[in-house]
Amino acid sequence: MSLAEIPLCVWRTRSLSFTFRGQTIRYWTAGQGEPLLLIHGFPTASWDWHYLWTPLAQRYRVIACDMLGFGDSAKPVHHLYSLIEQADLQQALLEHLKVDQPVHLLAHDYGDSVSQELLARHHEGQANIASCVFLNGGLFPECHRALLIQKLLLSRLGWLVARSFGRDDLVRHVTQIYGPCTHPSESALDDYWSLVASNRGTRILHKLACYVPERALHRERWVAALQKEGVRLRFINGAVDPVSGAHMHERYRELVPNPDTVLLPGIGHYPHTEAPVQVLRHYLAFRQQALEPVAQKVAWS
């Protein structure tokens, strides 16, 4: 079984826009039913979900946006980018779409941290989250193994690294975090670069990279949100991801009560593009489970 790809050129024609704090945000929505908010990672955009988009839209009302500074959304140069503001953006998008029922989250990488903030707000009575599934991301900053490019972007010369960043740099750093047999095609890499470069995005890469220390700043509140009862969680993890792979999965099982996890051998940092069929299967199984908490378990696929 395979899932049909939505070419980036087609994906872009389906986008809509709304204004968030004076900036234009591109977003997508399809389907009917319970709202499912898809939150992408760094440094790409919501097109990352294109393999899963149609099958999920056949079951749910799926919603996704290119967050501020990403993809085809606005990328203001003189702006302080923050995961907290990105969570504000997600809530503003739901308000724009008049979503007033509990929202399910499916997140990856940078989006995991945005989801943790939304979970914290849920427990504080400021959001209404029904469930959350995480893909590879830095849920526990002490386990996150930053790439060299992230360290360079965070250095004093980060602005210079960002402005000189090119397609070859993207290819070099992205391919090293994929599984050994699941590398993206040249066409996909071209599309990733198109999304990064859109609206002169390389000028702000160093500013976006500040999410790494921001995770550490909010670590206690965000980990506490994972440990509280009331919202069903699952962690689907590509095991061979050098950034947040099996070691992050192990830490999740140490710290999260009754952990519901799935480990994907041979899969890297992007499970939803490397193994979309497996991710879809495990996500749908999660949604079909009874609402009662389940005993500790781990799945292998």
Protein backbone atom coordinates (compact mmCIF):
# COMPACT_ATOMS: atom_id res chain seq x y z
CA MET A 1 0.00 0.00 0.00
CA SER A 2 1.19 3.52 -0.77
CA LEU A 3 -0.28 6.96 -0.24
CA ALA A 4 -0.68 9.45 -3.06
CA GLU A 5 1.61 12.45 -3.01
CA ILE A 6 0.19 15.96 -3.36
CA PRO A 7 2.72 17.89 -5.48
CA LEU A 8 3.83 21.14 -3.91
CA CYS A 9 2.60 23.13 -6.91
CA VAL A 10 -0.89 21.69 -6.35
CA TRP A 11 -0.70 22.10 -2.58
CA ARG A 12 0.04 25.78 -2.97
CA THR A 13 -3.02 26.37 -5.15
CA ARG A 14 -5.23 25.05 -2.36
CA SER A 15 -4.01 27.47 0.30
CA LEU A 16 -6.09 30.15 1.95
CA SER A 17 -4.90 33.09 4.03
CA PHE A 18 -5.76 35.08 7.11
CA THR A 19 -4.05 37.88 8.98
CA PHE A 20 -2.35 37.27 12.30
CA ARG A 21 -0.99 40.34 14.10
CA GLY A 22 -0.57 42.15 10.82
CA GLN A 23 1.14 39.24 9.02
CA THR A 24 -0.25 37.02 6.26
CA ILE A 25 -0.51 33.35 7.18
CA ARG A 26 -1.18 30.62 4.62
CA TYR A 27 -3.36 27.76 5.75
CA TRP A 28 -5.18 24.68 4.45
CA THR A 29 -8.33 22.88 5.53
CA ALA A 30 -10.33 19.95 4.21
CA GLY A 31 -12.81 17.31 5.31
CA GLN A 32 -15.51 17.21 7.95
CA GLY A 33 -15.86 15.87 11.44
CA GLU A 34 -13.73 16.29 14.53
CA PRO A 35 -11.06 18.99 14.03
CA LEU A 36 -7.50 17.70 13.63
CA LEU A 37 -4.76 20.32 13.73
CA LEU A 38 -1.50 19.34 12.01
CA ILE A 39 1.56 21.29 13.23
CA HIS A 40 4.75 21.11 11.17
CA GLY A 41 8.43 21.19 12.07
CA PHE A 42 11.60 23.22 11.42
CA PRO A 43 12.69 24.33 8.85
CA THR A 44 9.98 23.13 6.47
CA ALA A 45 6.22 23.73 6.37
CA SER A 46 2.76 22.17 6.37
CA TRP A 47 3.40 20.47 3.01
CA ASP A 48 5.22 17.88 5.14
CA TRP A 49 1.74 16.41 5.80
CA HIS A 50 0.82 15.92 2.13
CA TYR A 51 0.95 12.10 2.18
CA LEU A 52 -1.43 11.96 5.14
CA TRP A 53 -3.65 14.87 4.14
CA THR A 54 -6.21 13.09 1.95
CA PRO A 55 -6.71 9.94 4.07
CA LEU A 56 -7.04 12.05 7.21
CA ALA A 57 -9.45 14.45 5.47
CA GLN A 58 -11.66 11.47 4.65
CA ARG A 59 -12.20 11.01 8.39
CA TYR A 60 -11.67 14.36 10.08
CA ARG A 61 -11.69 18.10 9.52
CA VAL A 62 -7.98 18.62 8.97
CA ILE A 63 -6.38 22.03 9.46
CA ALA A 64 -2.79 23.14 8.95
CA CYS A 65 -0.88 26.37 8.46
CA ASP A 66 2.62 27.46 7.59
CA MET A 67 3.61 29.05 10.87
CA LEU A 68 4.99 32.56 11.02
CA GLY A 69 8.45 32.53 9.42
CA PHE A 70 7.87 29.25 7.59
CA GLY A 71 6.84 28.11 4.11
CA ASP A 72 4.67 30.57 2.23
CA SER A 73 3.60 32.58 5.26
CA ALA A 74 5.06 35.97 6.11
CA LYS A 75 8.69 36.05 7.25
CA PRO A 76 9.25 39.47 8.80
CA VAL A 77 12.94 40.22 9.32
CA HIS A 78 12.63 42.46 12.38
CA HIS A 79 10.66 40.03 14.50
CA LEU A 80 11.31 38.01 17.64
CA TYR A 81 10.09 34.51 16.80
CA SER A 82 8.70 32.45 19.64
CA LEU A 83 7.06 29.07 20.19
CA ILE A 84 4.63 30.84 22.50
CA GLU A 85 3.53 33.12 19.68
CA GLN A 86 3.20 30.14 17.33
CA ALA A 87 0.78 28.59 19.83
CA ASP A 88 -1.12 31.91 19.80
CA LEU A 89 -1.19 31.62 16.01
CA GLN A 90 -2.67 28.11 16.12
CA GLN A 91 -5.40 29.29 18.45
CA ALA A 92 -6.06 32.34 16.26
CA LEU A 93 -6.41 30.07 13.23
CA LEU A 94 -8.95 27.89 15.05
CA GLU A 95 -10.86 31.03 16.06
CA HIS A 96 -10.74 32.28 12.46
CA LEU A 97 -12.27 28.99 11.33
CA LYS A 98 -14.84 29.14 14.14
CA VAL A 99 -13.71 25.85 15.64
CA ASP A 100 -15.38 25.67 19.04
CA GLN A 101 -15.04 21.99 19.91
CA PRO A 102 -12.13 19.99 21.34
CA VAL A 103 -9.22 19.80 18.92
CA HIS A 104 -6.98 16.81 18.21
CA LEU A 105 -3.29 17.54 17.56
CA LEU A 106 -0.79 15.75 15.32
CA ALA A 107 2.62 17.40 15.50
CA HIS A 108 6.23 17.02 14.43
CA ASP A 109 9.56 18.49 15.63
CA TYR A 110 9.12 22.27 16.24
CA GLY A 111 5.39 21.57 16.20
CA ASP A 112 5.80 19.21 19.17
CA SER A 113 6.91 22.15 21.30
CA VAL A 114 3.99 24.26 20.07
CA SER A 115 1.69 21.38 21.01
CA GLN A 116 3.26 21.13 24.46
CA GLU A 117 2.42 24.79 24.99
CA LEU A 118 -1.15 24.14 23.85
CA LEU A 119 -1.35 21.17 26.23
CA ALA A 120 -0.14 23.36 29.08
CA ARG A 121 -2.81 25.90 28.19
CA HIS A 122 -5.42 23.13 28.13
CA HIS A 123 -4.56 22.17 31.71
CA GLU A 124 -4.75 25.86 32.64
CA GLY A 125 -8.21 26.19 31.05
CA GLN A 126 -7.00 28.31 28.12
CA ALA A 127 -7.33 25.73 25.32
CA ASN A 128 -9.49 22.70 24.55
CA ILE A 129 -7.37 19.75 23.45
CA ALA A 130 -8.93 16.31 22.89
CA SER A 131 -5.78 14.29 22.13
CA CYS A 132 -2.22 14.73 20.91
CA VAL A 133 0.12 12.55 18.87
CA PHE A 134 3.77 13.57 18.61
CA LEU A 135 6.24 12.60 15.91
CA ASN A 136 10.02 12.99 16.38
CA GLY A 137 10.79 16.16 18.29
CA GLY A 138 12.60 17.64 21.26
CA LEU A 139 10.00 16.93 23.92
CA PHE A 140 12.77 16.76 26.52
CA PRO A 141 15.49 19.33 25.73
CA GLU A 142 18.11 17.48 27.77
CA CYS A 143 17.88 14.64 25.19
CA HIS A 144 17.82 16.78 22.06
CA ARG A 145 21.00 16.36 20.00
CA ALA A 146 21.28 19.52 17.93
CA LEU A 147 22.74 19.41 14.45
CA LEU A 148 25.84 21.43 13.63
CA ILE A 149 23.77 23.83 11.53
CA GLN A 150 21.50 24.53 14.51
CA LYS A 151 24.51 25.28 16.69
CA LEU A 152 25.93 27.59 14.03
CA LEU A 153 22.63 29.41 13.60
CA LEU A 154 22.54 29.98 17.37
CA SER A 155 26.08 31.34 17.47
CA ARG A 156 27.06 35.04 17.29
CA LEU A 157 27.56 34.58 13.55
CA GLY A 158 24.17 32.98 13.09
CA TRP A 159 22.92 35.85 10.94
CA LEU A 160 25.80 35.29 8.52
CA VAL A 161 25.26 31.52 8.45
CA ALA A 162 21.58 32.12 7.68
CA ARG A 163 22.22 34.54 4.82
CA SER A 164 24.74 32.20 3.20
CA PHE A 165 22.54 29.13 3.63
CA GLY A 166 21.75 27.46 0.29
CA ARG A 167 20.12 24.39 -1.19
CA ASP A 168 23.27 22.31 -0.83
CA ASP A 169 23.40 23.13 2.87
CA LEU A 170 19.77 22.08 3.28
CA VAL A 171 20.40 18.80 1.46
CA ARG A 172 23.50 18.05 3.52
CA HIS A 173 21.82 18.61 6.86
CA VAL A 174 18.38 17.18 6.07
CA THR A 175 19.55 13.92 4.53
CA GLN A 176 21.66 13.02 7.56
CA ILE A 177 18.56 12.80 9.75
CA TYR A 178 16.56 10.50 7.46
CA GLY A 179 16.64 6.73 7.72
CA PRO A 180 19.32 4.93 5.64
CA CYS A 181 16.75 3.62 3.13
CA THR A 182 14.24 6.48 3.18
CA HIS A 183 16.14 9.50 1.87
CA PRO A 184 14.03 12.13 0.06
CA SER A 185 14.18 12.38 -3.71
CA GLU A 186 15.92 15.25 -5.48
CA SER A 187 12.49 16.56 -6.41
CA ALA A 188 11.38 16.56 -2.77
CA LEU A 189 14.58 18.34 -1.76
CA ASP A 190 13.90 20.98 -4.42
CA ASP A 191 10.47 21.47 -2.90
CA TYR A 192 11.83 21.72 0.64
CA TRP A 193 14.26 24.35 -0.55
CA SER A 194 11.47 26.24 -2.29
CA LEU A 195 9.59 26.43 1.00
CA VAL A 196 12.63 27.55 2.99
CA ALA A 197 13.63 30.15 0.39
CA SER A 198 10.08 31.49 -0.12
CA ASN A 199 9.73 35.14 0.93
CA ARG A 200 13.53 35.31 1.36
CA GLY A 201 13.31 32.96 4.31
CA THR A 202 17.02 32.36 4.75
CA ARG A 203 17.33 35.85 6.25
CA ILE A 204 15.53 34.69 9.41
CA LEU A 205 16.72 31.10 9.90
CA HIS A 206 18.92 32.15 12.81
CA LYS A 207 15.93 33.79 14.48
CA LEU A 208 13.74 30.72 14.03
CA ALA A 209 16.49 28.54 15.51
CA CYS A 210 15.99 30.25 18.87
CA TYR A 211 13.33 27.66 19.57
CA VAL A 212 16.12 25.36 20.82
CA PRO A 213 16.99 27.41 23.94
CA GLU A 214 13.32 28.38 24.31
CA ARG A 215 12.50 24.70 24.85
CA ALA A 216 14.89 24.64 27.80
CA LEU A 217 13.32 27.79 29.22
CA HIS A 218 9.84 26.22 29.31
CA ARG A 219 10.97 22.67 29.99
CA GLU A 220 9.38 22.20 33.44
CA ARG A 221 5.97 23.54 32.42
CA TRP A 222 5.89 21.61 29.15
CA VAL A 223 7.03 18.30 30.62
CA ALA A 224 4.48 18.72 33.41
CA ALA A 225 1.80 19.06 30.72
CA LEU A 226 2.79 15.61 29.40
CA GLN A 227 2.56 14.09 32.86
CA LYS A 228 -0.96 15.27 33.71
CA GLU A 229 -4.07 13.20 33.13
CA GLY A 230 -6.98 14.24 30.95
CA VAL A 231 -5.59 14.27 27.41
CA ARG A 232 -4.72 11.08 25.54
CA LEU A 233 -1.18 11.08 24.13
CA ARG A 234 0.88 8.90 21.80
CA PHE A 235 4.49 9.25 20.67
CA ILE A 236 5.33 7.81 17.23
CA ASN A 237 9.10 7.86 16.89
CA GLY A 238 11.53 7.16 14.07
CA ALA A 239 14.20 5.14 15.86
CA VAL A 240 17.31 6.05 13.85
CA ASP A 241 16.84 9.82 13.98
CA PRO A 242 20.14 11.15 15.41
CA VAL A 243 18.41 14.27 16.75
CA SER A 244 15.41 12.88 18.62
CA GLY A 245 15.22 9.17 17.86
CA ALA A 246 15.30 6.10 20.12
CA HIS A 247 16.95 8.06 22.95
CA MET A 248 14.01 10.50 23.01
CA HIS A 249 11.58 7.56 22.95
CA GLU A 250 13.35 6.04 25.96
CA ARG A 251 13.18 9.32 27.86
CA TYR A 252 9.46 9.65 27.06
CA ARG A 253 8.83 6.22 28.57
CA GLU A 254 10.80 7.19 31.67
CA LEU A 255 8.93 10.42 32.36
CA VAL A 256 5.39 10.09 30.99
CA PRO A 257 2.92 8.01 33.05
CA ASN A 258 1.35 5.05 31.21
CA PRO A 259 3.32 5.89 28.04
CA ASP A 260 1.69 5.02 24.73
CA THR A 261 4.53 4.82 22.23
CA VAL A 262 5.35 3.41 18.80
CA LEU A 263 8.95 2.92 17.69
CA LEU A 264 9.63 2.68 13.95
CA PRO A 265 12.92 0.84 13.24
CA GLY A 266 14.91 2.16 10.30
CA ILE A 267 12.96 5.42 10.16
CA GLY A 268 14.54 8.81 10.81
CA HIS A 269 13.37 12.25 11.79
CA TYR A 270 10.46 12.55 9.31
CA PRO A 271 8.19 9.50 9.89
CA HIS A 272 5.26 11.12 8.08
CA THR A 273 7.22 11.35 4.81
CA GLU A 274 9.52 8.34 5.31
CA ALA A 275 6.84 5.88 6.45
CA PRO A 276 3.45 7.57 5.95
CA VAL A 277 1.51 4.31 5.73
CA GLN A 278 2.81 3.19 9.12
CA VAL A 279 2.19 6.59 10.69
CA LEU A 280 -1.37 6.66 9.34
CA ARG A 281 -2.06 3.15 10.63
CA HIS A 282 -0.76 3.92 14.09
CA TYR A 283 -2.55 7.27 14.22
CA LEU A 284 -5.91 5.79 13.23
CA ALA A 285 -5.46 2.95 15.73
CA PHE A 286 -4.84 5.55 18.43
CA ARG A 287 -8.00 7.43 17.52
CA GLN A 288 -10.04 4.23 17.53
CA GLN A 289 -8.97 3.21 21.02
CA ALA A 290 -11.34 3.59 23.93
CA LEU A 291 -10.96 6.85 25.84
CA GLU A 292 -9.91 5.12 29.07
CA PRO A 293 -6.17 5.18 29.83
CA VAL A 294 -4.40 2.02 28.73
CA ALA A 295 -1.68 0.08 30.49
CA GLN A 296 1.95 0.75 29.69
CA LYS A 297 2.86 -0.53 26.27
CA VAL A 298 5.24 -0.11 23.42
CA ALA A 299 4.63 -1.06 19.80
CA TRP A 300 7.21 -1.96 17.20
CA SER A 301 6.56 -1.55 13.50
